[in-house]
Amino acid sequence: MTLFNLPVSIKTYRMSGPRLNVLYPVIVELPDSAVQQQINQLIVGEVKRQIHQQGYPLNPNTELTGYYEIKTNERGVLSLSLYNESYASNTHRWTLQNSLTFDVQTGKLYTLQDLFVHGVDYVQSVSDIVGQQIRDRHIPLQSEFKGIRPNQDFYIADKALVVYFQLEEITAYVYGFQYFPISVYEIQNIINEQPLGTMMY
């Protein structure tokens, strides 16, 4: 096993200010410092983008908290979710979730399209699976499901690709985020070796 196949080391940092308390991950001790810096810059950039999207600091009544979850940290793949919750008096709490999936050897940030063999209609393939799960799980949609976006939110968790939808994207707020785990074995004929293919073994 090479060093790159080991889990990467992660420390928790805090971004704070008036009505702001955000925890985020920082990668440390990678052999390639340039790759480490690239990954960390992308993470911090996404954290700041979430804060800006929530309207901070323009709205003086908004309080923000942030945290993260590591979904996969193995076999040269790091996949994580960043959460940002805003709260203002007389309104319900609003949460953003955005995920980043990296090749820790090169620093590459994967898009959903990158996971699939070139030329494959991955949007249709994934949409078909999600649509079936919606029917099987009797998920109450706000409108007819017409398929995923080409850049649909996703993360990798062990041996599954998880695509998900933001609050109120396909269901009412009360139902929260909607997650659709897809086994790598179900889509093994259309995925690239990196990063999903390596999760099969």
C-alpha atoms as a PDB file:
ATOM      1  CA  MET A   1       0.000   0.000   0.000  1.00  0.00           C
ATOM      2  CA  THR A   2       1.374   3.404  -0.937  1.00  0.00           C
ATOM      3  CA  LEU A   3       1.265   6.426   1.313  1.00  0.00           C
ATOM      4  CA  PHE A   4      -1.439   7.978  -0.860  1.00  0.00           C
ATOM      5  CA  ASN A   5      -3.776   5.083  -0.093  1.00  0.00           C
ATOM      6  CA  LEU A   6      -3.747   5.927   3.599  1.00  0.00           C
ATOM      7  CA  PRO A   7      -6.396   8.267   5.030  1.00  0.00           C
ATOM      8  CA  VAL A   8      -5.281  11.893   5.000  1.00  0.00           C
ATOM      9  CA  SER A   9      -4.802  13.758   8.274  1.00  0.00           C
ATOM     10  CA  ILE A  10      -7.415  16.405   9.020  1.00  0.00           C
ATOM     11  CA  LYS A  11      -7.576  19.180  11.594  1.00  0.00           C
ATOM     12  CA  THR A  12     -10.590  21.291  12.484  1.00  0.00           C
ATOM     13  CA  TYR A  13     -10.281  25.064  12.147  1.00  0.00           C
ATOM     14  CA  ARG A  14     -12.749  27.759  13.116  1.00  0.00           C
ATOM     15  CA  MET A  15     -13.930  30.832  11.216  1.00  0.00           C
ATOM     16  CA  SER A  16     -15.549  33.211  13.683  1.00  0.00           C
ATOM     17  CA  GLY A  17     -16.956  36.711  13.951  1.00  0.00           C
ATOM     18  CA  PRO A  18     -20.081  38.503  15.155  1.00  0.00           C
ATOM     19  CA  ARG A  19     -22.925  35.951  14.894  1.00  0.00           C
ATOM     20  CA  LEU A  20     -20.566  33.629  12.989  1.00  0.00           C
ATOM     21  CA  ASN A  21     -19.180  30.291  14.146  1.00  0.00           C
ATOM     22  CA  VAL A  22     -18.048  27.962  11.356  1.00  0.00           C
ATOM     23  CA  LEU A  23     -15.933  24.825  11.759  1.00  0.00           C
ATOM     24  CA  TYR A  24     -14.185  23.483   8.671  1.00  0.00           C
ATOM     25  CA  PRO A  25     -11.574  20.827   7.812  1.00  0.00           C
ATOM     26  CA  VAL A  26      -7.954  21.524   6.952  1.00  0.00           C
ATOM     27  CA  ILE A  27      -5.778  18.836   5.377  1.00  0.00           C
ATOM     28  CA  VAL A  28      -2.338  18.475   6.970  1.00  0.00           C
ATOM     29  CA  GLU A  29       0.827  16.429   6.450  1.00  0.00           C
ATOM     30  CA  LEU A  30       0.303  15.544   2.791  1.00  0.00           C
ATOM     31  CA  PRO A  31       3.626  14.642   1.133  1.00  0.00           C
ATOM     32  CA  ASP A  32       2.938  17.151  -1.648  1.00  0.00           C
ATOM     33  CA  SER A  33       2.537  20.597  -0.076  1.00  0.00           C
ATOM     34  CA  ALA A  34       1.266  22.127  -3.332  1.00  0.00           C
ATOM     35  CA  VAL A  35      -1.569  19.591  -3.522  1.00  0.00           C
ATOM     36  CA  GLN A  36      -2.350  20.160   0.151  1.00  0.00           C
ATOM     37  CA  GLN A  37      -2.551  23.916  -0.392  1.00  0.00           C
ATOM     38  CA  GLN A  38      -4.754  23.470  -3.461  1.00  0.00           C
ATOM     39  CA  ILE A  39      -7.250  21.263  -1.613  1.00  0.00           C
ATOM     40  CA  ASN A  40      -7.366  23.545   1.424  1.00  0.00           C
ATOM     41  CA  GLN A  41      -7.898  26.632  -0.723  1.00  0.00           C
ATOM     42  CA  LEU A  42     -10.855  24.973  -2.443  1.00  0.00           C
ATOM     43  CA  ILE A  43     -12.377  23.989   0.907  1.00  0.00           C
ATOM     44  CA  VAL A  44     -11.994  27.486   2.373  1.00  0.00           C
ATOM     45  CA  GLY A  45     -13.347  29.001  -0.834  1.00  0.00           C
ATOM     46  CA  GLU A  46     -16.487  26.863  -0.575  1.00  0.00           C
ATOM     47  CA  VAL A  47     -16.933  27.750   3.109  1.00  0.00           C
ATOM     48  CA  LYS A  48     -16.747  31.463   2.262  1.00  0.00           C
ATOM     49  CA  ARG A  49     -19.137  31.014  -0.665  1.00  0.00           C
ATOM     50  CA  GLN A  50     -21.711  29.410   1.652  1.00  0.00           C
ATOM     51  CA  ILE A  51     -21.363  32.255   4.150  1.00  0.00           C
ATOM     52  CA  HIS A  52     -21.895  34.806   1.385  1.00  0.00           C
ATOM     53  CA  GLN A  53     -24.876  32.868  -0.007  1.00  0.00           C
ATOM     54  CA  GLN A  54     -26.518  32.986   3.420  1.00  0.00           C
ATOM     55  CA  GLY A  55     -26.364  36.788   3.325  1.00  0.00           C
ATOM     56  CA  TYR A  56     -23.704  37.281   5.975  1.00  0.00           C
ATOM     57  CA  PRO A  57     -22.810  39.902   7.138  1.00  0.00           C
ATOM     58  CA  LEU A  58     -25.370  42.085   5.322  1.00  0.00           C
ATOM     59  CA  ASN A  59     -28.324  40.914   7.415  1.00  0.00           C
ATOM     60  CA  PRO A  60     -27.611  42.035  11.013  1.00  0.00           C
ATOM     61  CA  ASN A  61     -30.180  39.579  12.412  1.00  0.00           C
ATOM     62  CA  THR A  62     -28.696  36.451  10.858  1.00  0.00           C
ATOM     63  CA  GLU A  63     -26.675  33.997  12.935  1.00  0.00           C
ATOM     64  CA  LEU A  64     -24.535  31.434  11.117  1.00  0.00           C
ATOM     65  CA  THR A  65     -23.083  28.145  12.284  1.00  0.00           C
ATOM     66  CA  GLY A  66     -21.125  25.714  10.158  1.00  0.00           C
ATOM     67  CA  TYR A  67     -19.723  22.223  10.453  1.00  0.00           C
ATOM     68  CA  TYR A  68     -18.570  19.371   8.254  1.00  0.00           C
ATOM     69  CA  GLU A  69     -18.746  15.605   7.820  1.00  0.00           C
ATOM     70  CA  ILE A  70     -16.148  13.324   6.255  1.00  0.00           C
ATOM     71  CA  LYS A  71     -17.906  10.855   3.963  1.00  0.00           C
ATOM     72  CA  THR A  72     -14.892   8.997   2.527  1.00  0.00           C
ATOM     73  CA  ASN A  73     -11.208   9.179   3.419  1.00  0.00           C
ATOM     74  CA  GLU A  74      -9.572   6.149   1.854  1.00  0.00           C
ATOM     75  CA  ARG A  75      -7.924   4.787  -1.292  1.00  0.00           C
ATOM     76  CA  GLY A  76      -6.710   8.212  -2.366  1.00  0.00           C
ATOM     77  CA  VAL A  77     -10.198   9.732  -2.252  1.00  0.00           C
ATOM     78  CA  LEU A  78     -11.448  12.387   0.150  1.00  0.00           C
ATOM     79  CA  SER A  79     -15.155  13.199   0.007  1.00  0.00           C
ATOM     80  CA  LEU A  80     -16.737  15.606   2.486  1.00  0.00           C
ATOM     81  CA  SER A  81     -19.825  17.705   3.079  1.00  0.00           C
ATOM     82  CA  LEU A  82     -19.847  21.280   4.359  1.00  0.00           C
ATOM     83  CA  TYR A  83     -22.965  22.484   6.181  1.00  0.00           C
ATOM     84  CA  ASN A  84     -23.972  26.064   6.893  1.00  0.00           C
ATOM     85  CA  GLU A  85     -27.031  26.899   8.999  1.00  0.00           C
ATOM     86  CA  SER A  86     -28.541  30.369   9.184  1.00  0.00           C
ATOM     87  CA  TYR A  87     -31.089  31.535  11.683  1.00  0.00           C
ATOM     88  CA  ALA A  88     -32.889  34.840  12.038  1.00  0.00           C
ATOM     89  CA  SER A  89     -35.733  35.675  14.387  1.00  0.00           C
ATOM     90  CA  ASN A  90     -39.214  34.915  13.042  1.00  0.00           C
ATOM     91  CA  THR A  91     -37.833  32.601  10.330  1.00  0.00           C
ATOM     92  CA  HIS A  92     -37.060  28.895  10.209  1.00  0.00           C
ATOM     93  CA  ARG A  93     -33.492  27.665  10.143  1.00  0.00           C
ATOM     94  CA  TRP A  94     -32.047  27.374   6.629  1.00  0.00           C
ATOM     95  CA  THR A  95     -29.246  24.924   5.917  1.00  0.00           C
ATOM     96  CA  LEU A  96     -26.936  24.646   2.939  1.00  0.00           C
ATOM     97  CA  GLN A  97     -25.027  21.467   2.195  1.00  0.00           C
ATOM     98  CA  ASN A  98     -22.282  21.353  -0.401  1.00  0.00           C
ATOM     99  CA  SER A  99     -19.898  18.493  -1.000  1.00  0.00           C
ATOM    100  CA  LEU A 100     -16.367  18.259  -2.352  1.00  0.00           C
ATOM    101  CA  THR A 101     -14.632  15.106  -3.593  1.00  0.00           C
ATOM    102  CA  PHE A 102     -10.875  15.134  -4.192  1.00  0.00           C
ATOM    103  CA  ASP A 103      -8.101  12.985  -5.554  1.00  0.00           C
ATOM    104  CA  VAL A 104      -5.615  13.515  -2.713  1.00  0.00           C
ATOM    105  CA  GLN A 105      -2.648  12.614  -4.895  1.00  0.00           C
ATOM    106  CA  THR A 106      -3.264  15.273  -7.548  1.00  0.00           C
ATOM    107  CA  GLY A 107      -5.646  17.699  -5.816  1.00  0.00           C
ATOM    108  CA  LYS A 108      -8.247  17.228  -8.547  1.00  0.00           C
ATOM    109  CA  LEU A 109     -11.765  18.237  -7.547  1.00  0.00           C
ATOM    110  CA  TYR A 110     -14.192  15.795  -9.148  1.00  0.00           C
ATOM    111  CA  THR A 111     -17.401  16.829 -10.857  1.00  0.00           C
ATOM    112  CA  LEU A 112     -20.280  14.389 -11.208  1.00  0.00           C
ATOM    113  CA  GLN A 113     -19.446  13.996 -14.892  1.00  0.00           C
ATOM    114  CA  ASP A 114     -15.862  13.012 -14.019  1.00  0.00           C
ATOM    115  CA  LEU A 115     -17.135   9.874 -12.289  1.00  0.00           C
ATOM    116  CA  PHE A 116     -18.455   8.345 -15.497  1.00  0.00           C
ATOM    117  CA  VAL A 117     -16.994   6.997 -18.720  1.00  0.00           C
ATOM    118  CA  HIS A 118     -16.738   9.676 -21.394  1.00  0.00           C
ATOM    119  CA  GLY A 119     -19.761   9.753 -23.677  1.00  0.00           C
ATOM    120  CA  VAL A 120     -22.090   7.902 -21.309  1.00  0.00           C
ATOM    121  CA  ASP A 121     -25.455   9.554 -20.662  1.00  0.00           C
ATOM    122  CA  TYR A 122     -24.879   9.556 -16.915  1.00  0.00           C
ATOM    123  CA  VAL A 123     -27.640  12.108 -16.324  1.00  0.00           C
ATOM    124  CA  GLN A 124     -30.262   9.738 -17.706  1.00  0.00           C
ATOM    125  CA  SER A 125     -28.782   6.678 -15.989  1.00  0.00           C
ATOM    126  CA  VAL A 126     -28.665   8.320 -12.562  1.00  0.00           C
ATOM    127  CA  SER A 127     -32.061   9.972 -13.078  1.00  0.00           C
ATOM    128  CA  ASP A 128     -33.626   6.577 -13.788  1.00  0.00           C
ATOM    129  CA  ILE A 129     -32.227   5.154 -10.540  1.00  0.00           C
ATOM    130  CA  VAL A 130     -33.280   8.194  -8.505  1.00  0.00           C
ATOM    131  CA  GLY A 131     -36.741   8.116 -10.053  1.00  0.00           C
ATOM    132  CA  GLN A 132     -37.166   4.473  -9.073  1.00  0.00           C
ATOM    133  CA  GLN A 133     -36.058   5.216  -5.501  1.00  0.00           C
ATOM    134  CA  ILE A 134     -38.558   8.071  -5.321  1.00  0.00           C
ATOM    135  CA  ARG A 135     -41.327   5.663  -6.279  1.00  0.00           C
ATOM    136  CA  ASP A 136     -40.120   2.866  -3.996  1.00  0.00           C
ATOM    137  CA  ARG A 137     -39.767   5.195  -1.003  1.00  0.00           C
ATOM    138  CA  HIS A 138     -43.002   7.089  -1.725  1.00  0.00           C
ATOM    139  CA  ILE A 139     -41.254  10.451  -1.460  1.00  0.00           C
ATOM    140  CA  PRO A 140     -43.814  13.292  -1.660  1.00  0.00           C
ATOM    141  CA  LEU A 141     -42.528  15.589  -4.393  1.00  0.00           C
ATOM    142  CA  GLN A 142     -43.520  19.214  -4.907  1.00  0.00           C
ATOM    143  CA  SER A 143     -43.732  18.613  -8.660  1.00  0.00           C
ATOM    144  CA  GLU A 144     -43.013  15.888 -11.194  1.00  0.00           C
ATOM    145  CA  PHE A 145     -39.428  14.614 -11.101  1.00  0.00           C
ATOM    146  CA  LYS A 146     -37.802  15.312 -14.465  1.00  0.00           C
ATOM    147  CA  GLY A 147     -34.273  14.156 -13.696  1.00  0.00           C
ATOM    148  CA  ILE A 148     -31.095  15.280 -11.998  1.00  0.00           C
ATOM    149  CA  ARG A 149     -29.030  18.279 -13.012  1.00  0.00           C
ATOM    150  CA  PRO A 150     -25.739  17.517 -14.846  1.00  0.00           C
ATOM    151  CA  ASN A 151     -23.942  19.035 -11.838  1.00  0.00           C
ATOM    152  CA  GLN A 152     -26.211  17.517  -9.182  1.00  0.00           C
ATOM    153  CA  ASP A 153     -24.825  17.591  -5.641  1.00  0.00           C
ATOM    154  CA  PHE A 154     -23.096  14.356  -4.648  1.00  0.00           C
ATOM    155  CA  TYR A 155     -20.566  12.701  -2.393  1.00  0.00           C
ATOM    156  CA  ILE A 156     -18.944   9.285  -2.173  1.00  0.00           C
ATOM    157  CA  ALA A 157     -19.594   7.155   0.904  1.00  0.00           C
ATOM    158  CA  ASP A 158     -17.740   3.850   1.066  1.00  0.00           C
ATOM    159  CA  LYS A 159     -19.074   1.782  -1.860  1.00  0.00           C
ATOM    160  CA  ALA A 160     -21.827   4.151  -2.923  1.00  0.00           C
ATOM    161  CA  LEU A 161     -22.367   7.312  -4.893  1.00  0.00           C
ATOM    162  CA  VAL A 162     -24.845   9.491  -3.011  1.00  0.00           C
ATOM    163  CA  VAL A 163     -26.664  12.164  -5.007  1.00  0.00           C
ATOM    164  CA  TYR A 164     -28.807  14.585  -3.057  1.00  0.00           C
ATOM    165  CA  PHE A 165     -31.084  17.577  -3.349  1.00  0.00           C
ATOM    166  CA  GLN A 166     -31.051  20.841  -1.427  1.00  0.00           C
ATOM    167  CA  LEU A 167     -33.868  21.913   0.871  1.00  0.00           C
ATOM    168  CA  GLU A 168     -37.060  22.519  -1.118  1.00  0.00           C
ATOM    169  CA  GLU A 169     -35.375  21.447  -4.367  1.00  0.00           C
ATOM    170  CA  ILE A 170     -37.783  18.540  -4.908  1.00  0.00           C
ATOM    171  CA  THR A 171     -39.699  18.244  -1.611  1.00  0.00           C
ATOM    172  CA  ALA A 172     -41.187  20.588   0.969  1.00  0.00           C
ATOM    173  CA  TYR A 173     -38.896  22.056   3.633  1.00  0.00           C
ATOM    174  CA  VAL A 174     -40.243  19.751   6.343  1.00  0.00           C
ATOM    175  CA  TYR A 175     -38.767  16.681   4.590  1.00  0.00           C
ATOM    176  CA  GLY A 176     -35.204  18.030   4.668  1.00  0.00           C
ATOM    177  CA  PHE A 177     -32.434  16.994   2.301  1.00  0.00           C
ATOM    178  CA  GLN A 178     -33.255  14.098   0.004  1.00  0.00           C
ATOM    179  CA  TYR A 179     -30.479  11.507  -0.395  1.00  0.00           C
ATOM    180  CA  PHE A 180     -30.246   8.766  -3.000  1.00  0.00           C
ATOM    181  CA  PRO A 181     -27.459   6.222  -2.417  1.00  0.00           C
ATOM    182  CA  ILE A 182     -26.431   4.258  -5.504  1.00  0.00           C
ATOM    183  CA  SER A 183     -24.221   1.190  -5.092  1.00  0.00           C
ATOM    184  CA  VAL A 184     -21.090   1.263  -7.244  1.00  0.00           C
ATOM    185  CA  TYR A 185     -21.998  -2.266  -8.345  1.00  0.00           C
ATOM    186  CA  GLU A 186     -25.268  -1.013  -9.814  1.00  0.00           C
ATOM    187  CA  ILE A 187     -23.408   1.390 -12.106  1.00  0.00           C
ATOM    188  CA  GLN A 188     -20.099  -0.460 -12.500  1.00  0.00           C
ATOM    189  CA  ASN A 189     -20.394  -0.618 -16.297  1.00  0.00           C
ATOM    190  CA  ILE A 190     -20.456   3.164 -16.717  1.00  0.00           C
ATOM    191  CA  ILE A 191     -18.071   4.480 -14.025  1.00  0.00           C
ATOM    192  CA  ASN A 192     -14.411   5.427 -14.332  1.00  0.00           C
ATOM    193  CA  GLU A 193     -11.746   3.596 -12.362  1.00  0.00           C
ATOM    194  CA  GLN A 194     -11.074   6.796 -10.423  1.00  0.00           C
ATOM    195  CA  PRO A 195     -12.613   7.500  -8.060  1.00  0.00           C
ATOM    196  CA  LEU A 196     -15.625   5.148  -7.980  1.00  0.00           C
ATOM    197  CA  GLY A 197     -14.027   2.078  -9.517  1.00  0.00           C
ATOM    198  CA  THR A 198     -11.485   1.803  -6.718  1.00  0.00           C
ATOM    199  CA  MET A 199     -14.337   1.531  -4.209  1.00  0.00           C
ATOM    200  CA  MET A 200     -15.490  -1.772  -5.690  1.00  0.00           C
ATOM    201  CA  TYR A 201     -12.663  -3.879  -4.268  1.00  0.00           C
END
